[in-house]
Amino acid sequence: MDLINLKHKKQQQFQKALKSLNEVLNIKEKNAIIRDSSIQRFEYTSELFWKMLKEILKDEYGIIAMSPKSVIRECVSQQIFSAKDGELFIEMMNDRNRTSHAYEESIAEEIESKLPEYSEEMKEVWEEMKK
């Protein structure tokens, strides 16, 4: 698979994951099953988000960044998004790492409360990148 198709595939996967996350976030009835589903969808959406950004940094800027936080810092440095957004995405990655402790209800509820904002910010970056 060539690099253009790989990049396009990652973007399609991210777009599909973001749609999936938003579907569960838009469910009005909230319960533990919905919460757990939204956290699971957040995990793979945030993973695809930073990996997509990683490919963009490599392909369009010649920058190799290996970790989610280094990718985010480089995106801020290259003005792909603002420092404020970068701070939010670092927090998002920290929360992503905390999801392994989501069996603790208080952590799961805290992360769940942040998901609409994370989703909206990822969507805004995605929309801007498509232009």
C-alpha atoms as a PDB file:
ATOM      1  CA  MET A   1       0.000   0.000   0.000  1.00  0.00           C
ATOM      2  CA  ASP A   2       1.465   3.358  -0.952  1.00  0.00           C
ATOM      3  CA  LEU A   3       1.818   6.246   1.493  1.00  0.00           C
ATOM      4  CA  ILE A   4      -1.063   8.262   0.052  1.00  0.00           C
ATOM      5  CA  ASN A   5      -3.471   5.348   0.405  1.00  0.00           C
ATOM      6  CA  LEU A   6      -2.196   4.612   3.936  1.00  0.00           C
ATOM      7  CA  LYS A   7      -2.734   8.233   4.989  1.00  0.00           C
ATOM      8  CA  HIS A   8      -6.182   8.249   3.388  1.00  0.00           C
ATOM      9  CA  LYS A   9      -7.059   4.975   5.134  1.00  0.00           C
ATOM     10  CA  LYS A  10      -6.041   6.373   8.544  1.00  0.00           C
ATOM     11  CA  GLN A  11      -8.148   9.458   7.914  1.00  0.00           C
ATOM     12  CA  GLN A  12     -11.147   7.316   6.955  1.00  0.00           C
ATOM     13  CA  GLN A  13     -10.691   5.163  10.057  1.00  0.00           C
ATOM     14  CA  PHE A  14     -10.532   8.254  12.257  1.00  0.00           C
ATOM     15  CA  GLN A  15     -13.608   9.782  10.652  1.00  0.00           C
ATOM     16  CA  LYS A  16     -15.554   6.547  11.177  1.00  0.00           C
ATOM     17  CA  ALA A  17     -14.380   6.275  14.797  1.00  0.00           C
ATOM     18  CA  LEU A  18     -15.328   9.881  15.544  1.00  0.00           C
ATOM     19  CA  LYS A  19     -18.780   9.273  14.100  1.00  0.00           C
ATOM     20  CA  SER A  20     -19.099   6.161  16.269  1.00  0.00           C
ATOM     21  CA  LEU A  21     -18.081   8.115  19.376  1.00  0.00           C
ATOM     22  CA  ASN A  22     -20.575  10.857  18.623  1.00  0.00           C
ATOM     23  CA  GLU A  23     -23.355   8.328  18.127  1.00  0.00           C
ATOM     24  CA  VAL A  24     -22.976   7.008  21.652  1.00  0.00           C
ATOM     25  CA  LEU A  25     -22.493  10.503  23.099  1.00  0.00           C
ATOM     26  CA  ASN A  26     -25.814  11.559  21.568  1.00  0.00           C
ATOM     27  CA  ILE A  27     -27.775   8.852  23.376  1.00  0.00           C
ATOM     28  CA  LYS A  28     -29.958  10.660  25.879  1.00  0.00           C
ATOM     29  CA  GLU A  29     -30.356   7.792  28.323  1.00  0.00           C
ATOM     30  CA  LYS A  30     -27.215   7.467  30.436  1.00  0.00           C
ATOM     31  CA  ASN A  31     -26.274   4.317  32.302  1.00  0.00           C
ATOM     32  CA  ALA A  32     -23.152   2.259  33.003  1.00  0.00           C
ATOM     33  CA  ILE A  33     -23.389   0.404  29.699  1.00  0.00           C
ATOM     34  CA  ILE A  34     -23.582   3.630  27.701  1.00  0.00           C
ATOM     35  CA  ARG A  35     -20.747   5.115  29.768  1.00  0.00           C
ATOM     36  CA  ASP A  36     -18.518   2.096  29.226  1.00  0.00           C
ATOM     37  CA  SER A  37     -19.312   2.076  25.519  1.00  0.00           C
ATOM     38  CA  SER A  38     -18.480   5.765  25.201  1.00  0.00           C
ATOM     39  CA  ILE A  39     -15.167   5.255  27.005  1.00  0.00           C
ATOM     40  CA  GLN A  40     -14.274   2.332  24.742  1.00  0.00           C
ATOM     41  CA  ARG A  41     -15.088   4.376  21.655  1.00  0.00           C
ATOM     42  CA  PHE A  42     -13.084   7.286  23.056  1.00  0.00           C
ATOM     43  CA  GLU A  43     -10.086   4.987  23.484  1.00  0.00           C
ATOM     44  CA  TYR A  44      -9.922   3.947  19.858  1.00  0.00           C
ATOM     45  CA  THR A  45     -10.927   7.360  18.504  1.00  0.00           C
ATOM     46  CA  SER A  46      -8.186   9.166  20.425  1.00  0.00           C
ATOM     47  CA  GLU A  47      -5.709   6.489  19.331  1.00  0.00           C
ATOM     48  CA  LEU A  48      -6.608   6.989  15.675  1.00  0.00           C
ATOM     49  CA  PHE A  49      -6.528  10.775  16.131  1.00  0.00           C
ATOM     50  CA  TRP A  50      -2.923  10.960  17.259  1.00  0.00           C
ATOM     51  CA  LYS A  51      -1.799   8.329  14.748  1.00  0.00           C
ATOM     52  CA  MET A  52      -3.428  10.276  11.939  1.00  0.00           C
ATOM     53  CA  LEU A  53      -1.664  13.432  13.128  1.00  0.00           C
ATOM     54  CA  LYS A  54       1.595  11.476  13.288  1.00  0.00           C
ATOM     55  CA  GLU A  55       1.259  10.541   9.613  1.00  0.00           C
ATOM     56  CA  ILE A  56       0.452  14.130   8.651  1.00  0.00           C
ATOM     57  CA  LEU A  57       3.525  15.396  10.511  1.00  0.00           C
ATOM     58  CA  LYS A  58       5.696  12.837   8.764  1.00  0.00           C
ATOM     59  CA  ASP A  59       4.256  13.223   5.258  1.00  0.00           C
ATOM     60  CA  GLU A  60       3.671  16.962   5.122  1.00  0.00           C
ATOM     61  CA  TYR A  61       6.326  18.356   7.498  1.00  0.00           C
ATOM     62  CA  GLY A  62       9.027  15.679   7.510  1.00  0.00           C
ATOM     63  CA  ILE A  63       8.722  15.392  11.303  1.00  0.00           C
ATOM     64  CA  ILE A  64       9.032  12.050  13.050  1.00  0.00           C
ATOM     65  CA  ALA A  65       7.222  11.985  16.392  1.00  0.00           C
ATOM     66  CA  MET A  66       6.685   8.688  18.158  1.00  0.00           C
ATOM     67  CA  SER A  67       4.443   9.293  21.169  1.00  0.00           C
ATOM     68  CA  PRO A  68       0.995  10.873  21.383  1.00  0.00           C
ATOM     69  CA  LYS A  69       2.227  13.812  23.434  1.00  0.00           C
ATOM     70  CA  SER A  70       5.208  14.480  21.168  1.00  0.00           C
ATOM     71  CA  VAL A  71       2.858  14.412  18.169  1.00  0.00           C
ATOM     72  CA  ILE A  72       0.586  16.952  19.860  1.00  0.00           C
ATOM     73  CA  ARG A  73       3.515  19.208  20.790  1.00  0.00           C
ATOM     74  CA  GLU A  74       4.789  19.097  17.206  1.00  0.00           C
ATOM     75  CA  CYS A  75       1.322  19.930  15.885  1.00  0.00           C
ATOM     76  CA  VAL A  76       1.276  23.013  18.093  1.00  0.00           C
ATOM     77  CA  SER A  77       4.803  23.884  16.958  1.00  0.00           C
ATOM     78  CA  GLN A  78       3.726  23.586  13.302  1.00  0.00           C
ATOM     79  CA  GLN A  79       0.554  25.592  14.048  1.00  0.00           C
ATOM     80  CA  ILE A  80      -1.719  22.754  12.969  1.00  0.00           C
ATOM     81  CA  PHE A  81      -3.746  23.732  16.015  1.00  0.00           C
ATOM     82  CA  SER A  82      -3.408  26.229  18.848  1.00  0.00           C
ATOM     83  CA  ALA A  83      -1.473  25.855  22.078  1.00  0.00           C
ATOM     84  CA  LYS A  84      -4.816  25.894  23.910  1.00  0.00           C
ATOM     85  CA  ASP A  85      -6.031  22.966  21.812  1.00  0.00           C
ATOM     86  CA  GLY A  86      -2.688  21.269  22.391  1.00  0.00           C
ATOM     87  CA  GLU A  87      -3.194  21.512  26.156  1.00  0.00           C
ATOM     88  CA  LEU A  88      -6.653  19.986  25.799  1.00  0.00           C
ATOM     89  CA  PHE A  89      -5.305  17.152  23.638  1.00  0.00           C
ATOM     90  CA  ILE A  90      -2.518  16.442  26.164  1.00  0.00           C
ATOM     91  CA  GLU A  91      -5.216  16.236  28.852  1.00  0.00           C
ATOM     92  CA  MET A  92      -7.194  13.983  26.523  1.00  0.00           C
ATOM     93  CA  MET A  93      -4.201  11.638  26.136  1.00  0.00           C
ATOM     94  CA  ASN A  94      -3.736  11.596  29.910  1.00  0.00           C
ATOM     95  CA  ASP A  95      -7.397  10.657  30.278  1.00  0.00           C
ATOM     96  CA  ARG A  96      -6.966   8.019  27.587  1.00  0.00           C
ATOM     97  CA  ASN A  97      -4.180   6.506  29.699  1.00  0.00           C
ATOM     98  CA  ARG A  98      -6.435   6.642  32.747  1.00  0.00           C
ATOM     99  CA  THR A  99      -9.152   4.602  31.054  1.00  0.00           C
ATOM    100  CA  SER A 100      -7.358   1.435  32.096  1.00  0.00           C
ATOM    101  CA  HIS A 101      -8.579   2.403  35.568  1.00  0.00           C
ATOM    102  CA  ALA A 102     -12.130   3.042  34.375  1.00  0.00           C
ATOM    103  CA  TYR A 103     -13.340   0.207  36.567  1.00  0.00           C
ATOM    104  CA  GLU A 104     -13.124   2.853  39.288  1.00  0.00           C
ATOM    105  CA  GLU A 105     -16.503   4.461  38.827  1.00  0.00           C
ATOM    106  CA  SER A 106     -15.388   7.957  39.819  1.00  0.00           C
ATOM    107  CA  ILE A 107     -12.663   7.952  37.142  1.00  0.00           C
ATOM    108  CA  ALA A 108     -15.063   6.581  34.526  1.00  0.00           C
ATOM    109  CA  GLU A 109     -17.640   9.272  35.343  1.00  0.00           C
ATOM    110  CA  GLU A 110     -15.027  12.034  35.258  1.00  0.00           C
ATOM    111  CA  ILE A 111     -13.714  10.921  31.865  1.00  0.00           C
ATOM    112  CA  GLU A 112     -17.227  10.474  30.503  1.00  0.00           C
ATOM    113  CA  SER A 113     -18.046  14.083  31.421  1.00  0.00           C
ATOM    114  CA  LYS A 114     -15.137  15.329  29.273  1.00  0.00           C
ATOM    115  CA  LEU A 115     -15.911  13.262  26.176  1.00  0.00           C
ATOM    116  CA  PRO A 116     -18.231  15.767  24.445  1.00  0.00           C
ATOM    117  CA  GLU A 117     -15.541  18.461  24.595  1.00  0.00           C
ATOM    118  CA  TYR A 118     -12.827  16.084  23.384  1.00  0.00           C
ATOM    119  CA  SER A 119     -15.023  14.900  20.558  1.00  0.00           C
ATOM    120  CA  GLU A 120     -15.883  18.431  19.492  1.00  0.00           C
ATOM    121  CA  GLU A 121     -12.234  19.520  19.488  1.00  0.00           C
ATOM    122  CA  MET A 122     -11.131  16.489  17.476  1.00  0.00           C
ATOM    123  CA  LYS A 123     -13.954  17.220  15.015  1.00  0.00           C
ATOM    124  CA  GLU A 124     -12.853  20.856  14.675  1.00  0.00           C
ATOM    125  CA  VAL A 125      -9.251  19.847  13.968  1.00  0.00           C
ATOM    126  CA  TRP A 126     -10.433  17.246  11.465  1.00  0.00           C
ATOM    127  CA  GLU A 127     -12.669  19.775   9.676  1.00  0.00           C
ATOM    128  CA  GLU A 128      -9.823  22.281   9.508  1.00  0.00           C
ATOM    129  CA  MET A 129      -7.405  19.676   8.149  1.00  0.00           C
ATOM    130  CA  LYS A 130      -9.826  18.668   5.378  1.00  0.00           C
ATOM    131  CA  LYS A 131      -9.751  22.224   3.937  1.00  0.00           C
END
